[in-house]
Amino acid sequence: METRQLARLMGSLSFEERLLIMDALISTGEEGLSQMALAEITSLSASSIGINLDYMMSTDIVRYRSESVGKVFFPNYELLGSLFSFMNKNYGSGMSQTNRTKLG
């Protein structure tokens, strides 16, 4: 994982609003949620949801699919798994320097 990608992914999760959105999406699973459903669940405004989703989609940590009712958003579980695996391997407690992956 390159330094720039890591920084952008961490930025995707660095705001309380984005963590609320991600929590709601993960809780729902593959079914996904609309922007309005996310606003209701998180108590954030629809515009705040939209702004944060735009950033999260720009890093590919959140994806969407078009349905007859509009966009339905869901987490990119593969990317989340890669991120958490990388973080655990490189920044987990007790990791030696020899086990770390060099950032690109």
C-alpha atoms as a PDB file:
ATOM      1  CA  MET A   1       0.000   0.000   0.000  1.00  0.00           C
ATOM      2  CA  GLU A   2       1.418   3.371  -0.981  1.00  0.00           C
ATOM      3  CA  THR A   3       1.734   6.234   1.501  1.00  0.00           C
ATOM      4  CA  ARG A   4      -0.645   8.436  -0.484  1.00  0.00           C
ATOM      5  CA  GLN A   5      -3.347   5.729  -0.623  1.00  0.00           C
ATOM      6  CA  LEU A   6      -2.942   5.003   3.085  1.00  0.00           C
ATOM      7  CA  ALA A   7      -3.301   8.691   3.949  1.00  0.00           C
ATOM      8  CA  ARG A   8      -6.435   9.065   1.801  1.00  0.00           C
ATOM      9  CA  LEU A   9      -8.024   5.930   3.270  1.00  0.00           C
ATOM     10  CA  MET A  10      -7.259   7.067   6.801  1.00  0.00           C
ATOM     11  CA  GLY A  11      -8.771  10.439   5.867  1.00  0.00           C
ATOM     12  CA  SER A  12     -11.914   8.608   4.790  1.00  0.00           C
ATOM     13  CA  LEU A  13     -12.332   7.480   8.382  1.00  0.00           C
ATOM     14  CA  SER A  14     -10.889  10.502  10.195  1.00  0.00           C
ATOM     15  CA  PHE A  15     -14.116  12.392  10.862  1.00  0.00           C
ATOM     16  CA  GLU A  16     -16.847  11.453  13.316  1.00  0.00           C
ATOM     17  CA  GLU A  17     -19.471  11.867  10.583  1.00  0.00           C
ATOM     18  CA  ARG A  18     -17.659   9.427   8.305  1.00  0.00           C
ATOM     19  CA  LEU A  19     -17.354   6.894  11.105  1.00  0.00           C
ATOM     20  CA  LEU A  20     -21.109   7.186  11.729  1.00  0.00           C
ATOM     21  CA  ILE A  21     -21.761   6.630   8.026  1.00  0.00           C
ATOM     22  CA  MET A  22     -19.401   3.647   7.863  1.00  0.00           C
ATOM     23  CA  ASP A  23     -20.946   2.134  10.985  1.00  0.00           C
ATOM     24  CA  ALA A  24     -24.421   2.384   9.469  1.00  0.00           C
ATOM     25  CA  LEU A  25     -23.248   0.897   6.170  1.00  0.00           C
ATOM     26  CA  ILE A  26     -21.391  -1.997   7.799  1.00  0.00           C
ATOM     27  CA  SER A  27     -24.374  -2.698  10.073  1.00  0.00           C
ATOM     28  CA  THR A  28     -26.605  -2.963   7.015  1.00  0.00           C
ATOM     29  CA  GLY A  29     -24.186  -5.083   4.989  1.00  0.00           C
ATOM     30  CA  GLU A  30     -24.453  -5.752   1.265  1.00  0.00           C
ATOM     31  CA  GLU A  31     -28.042  -4.476   1.211  1.00  0.00           C
ATOM     32  CA  GLY A  32     -26.708  -0.939   1.456  1.00  0.00           C
ATOM     33  CA  LEU A  33     -28.466   2.304   2.284  1.00  0.00           C
ATOM     34  CA  SER A  34     -29.701   5.347   0.427  1.00  0.00           C
ATOM     35  CA  GLN A  35     -28.465   8.827   1.277  1.00  0.00           C
ATOM     36  CA  MET A  36     -31.776   9.618   2.963  1.00  0.00           C
ATOM     37  CA  ALA A  37     -31.681   6.409   5.034  1.00  0.00           C
ATOM     38  CA  LEU A  38     -28.147   7.283   6.125  1.00  0.00           C
ATOM     39  CA  ALA A  39     -29.335  10.756   7.155  1.00  0.00           C
ATOM     40  CA  GLU A  40     -32.129   9.245   9.242  1.00  0.00           C
ATOM     41  CA  ILE A  41     -29.895   6.646  10.911  1.00  0.00           C
ATOM     42  CA  THR A  42     -27.005   9.010  11.681  1.00  0.00           C
ATOM     43  CA  SER A  43     -29.061  12.157  12.397  1.00  0.00           C
ATOM     44  CA  LEU A  44     -26.808  14.038   9.972  1.00  0.00           C
ATOM     45  CA  SER A  45     -28.187  16.332   7.293  1.00  0.00           C
ATOM     46  CA  ALA A  46     -28.584  14.924   3.789  1.00  0.00           C
ATOM     47  CA  SER A  47     -26.078  17.490   2.506  1.00  0.00           C
ATOM     48  CA  SER A  48     -23.497  16.441   5.106  1.00  0.00           C
ATOM     49  CA  ILE A  49     -24.055  12.803   4.148  1.00  0.00           C
ATOM     50  CA  GLY A  50     -23.577  13.707   0.482  1.00  0.00           C
ATOM     51  CA  ILE A  51     -20.341  15.613   1.070  1.00  0.00           C
ATOM     52  CA  ASN A  52     -18.860  12.829   3.179  1.00  0.00           C
ATOM     53  CA  LEU A  53     -20.004  10.086   0.801  1.00  0.00           C
ATOM     54  CA  ASP A  54     -18.387  11.933  -2.102  1.00  0.00           C
ATOM     55  CA  TYR A  55     -15.033  11.892  -0.333  1.00  0.00           C
ATOM     56  CA  MET A  56     -15.409   8.293   0.794  1.00  0.00           C
ATOM     57  CA  MET A  57     -16.273   7.226  -2.764  1.00  0.00           C
ATOM     58  CA  SER A  58     -13.258   9.112  -4.132  1.00  0.00           C
ATOM     59  CA  THR A  59     -11.055   6.758  -2.076  1.00  0.00           C
ATOM     60  CA  ASP A  60     -13.185   3.728  -3.072  1.00  0.00           C
ATOM     61  CA  ILE A  61     -13.854   2.854   0.581  1.00  0.00           C
ATOM     62  CA  VAL A  62     -17.559   3.295  -0.186  1.00  0.00           C
ATOM     63  CA  ARG A  63     -19.239   2.235  -3.407  1.00  0.00           C
ATOM     64  CA  TYR A  64     -22.730   2.546  -4.794  1.00  0.00           C
ATOM     65  CA  ARG A  65     -25.044   0.814  -7.162  1.00  0.00           C
ATOM     66  CA  SER A  66     -27.960   2.351  -9.007  1.00  0.00           C
ATOM     67  CA  GLU A  67     -31.375   0.966  -8.246  1.00  0.00           C
ATOM     68  CA  SER A  68     -34.848   2.066  -9.251  1.00  0.00           C
ATOM     69  CA  VAL A  69     -35.047   4.167  -6.065  1.00  0.00           C
ATOM     70  CA  GLY A  70     -31.675   5.839  -6.702  1.00  0.00           C
ATOM     71  CA  LYS A  71     -28.152   5.238  -5.422  1.00  0.00           C
ATOM     72  CA  VAL A  72     -27.599   2.649  -2.720  1.00  0.00           C
ATOM     73  CA  PHE A  73     -24.284   2.903  -0.865  1.00  0.00           C
ATOM     74  CA  PHE A  74     -22.280   0.068   0.672  1.00  0.00           C
ATOM     75  CA  PRO A  75     -18.769  -0.419   2.077  1.00  0.00           C
ATOM     76  CA  ASN A  76     -15.917  -1.816   0.003  1.00  0.00           C
ATOM     77  CA  TYR A  77     -15.182  -4.748   2.307  1.00  0.00           C
ATOM     78  CA  GLU A  78     -12.173  -5.890   0.281  1.00  0.00           C
ATOM     79  CA  LEU A  79     -10.470  -2.503   0.614  1.00  0.00           C
ATOM     80  CA  LEU A  80     -11.381  -2.237   4.312  1.00  0.00           C
ATOM     81  CA  GLY A  81      -9.895  -5.684   4.892  1.00  0.00           C
ATOM     82  CA  SER A  82      -6.685  -4.684   3.103  1.00  0.00           C
ATOM     83  CA  LEU A  83      -6.465  -1.454   5.097  1.00  0.00           C
ATOM     84  CA  PHE A  84      -6.978  -3.136   8.468  1.00  0.00           C
ATOM     85  CA  SER A  85      -4.613  -5.973   7.589  1.00  0.00           C
ATOM     86  CA  PHE A  86      -1.926  -3.477   6.523  1.00  0.00           C
ATOM     87  CA  MET A  87      -2.423  -1.394   9.666  1.00  0.00           C
ATOM     88  CA  ASN A  88      -2.268  -4.453  11.903  1.00  0.00           C
ATOM     89  CA  LYS A  89       0.851  -5.789  10.186  1.00  0.00           C
ATOM     90  CA  ASN A  90       2.706  -2.487  10.176  1.00  0.00           C
ATOM     91  CA  TYR A  91       1.413  -0.658  13.217  1.00  0.00           C
ATOM     92  CA  GLY A  92       0.106  -3.412  15.495  1.00  0.00           C
ATOM     93  CA  SER A  93       1.522  -3.717  18.987  1.00  0.00           C
ATOM     94  CA  GLY A  94       4.761  -5.597  19.370  1.00  0.00           C
ATOM     95  CA  MET A  95       5.637  -5.621  15.672  1.00  0.00           C
ATOM     96  CA  SER A  96       9.344  -5.660  14.945  1.00  0.00           C
ATOM     97  CA  GLN A  97      10.937  -3.514  12.261  1.00  0.00           C
ATOM     98  CA  THR A  98      11.727  -6.626  10.184  1.00  0.00           C
ATOM     99  CA  ASN A  99       8.035  -7.539   9.830  1.00  0.00           C
ATOM    100  CA  ARG A 100       6.965  -4.152   8.514  1.00  0.00           C
ATOM    101  CA  THR A 101       6.069  -3.477   4.885  1.00  0.00           C
ATOM    102  CA  LYS A 102       7.830  -0.450   3.472  1.00  0.00           C
ATOM    103  CA  LEU A 103       5.449   2.307   2.371  1.00  0.00           C
ATOM    104  CA  GLY A 104       5.701   3.273  -1.294  1.00  0.00           C
END
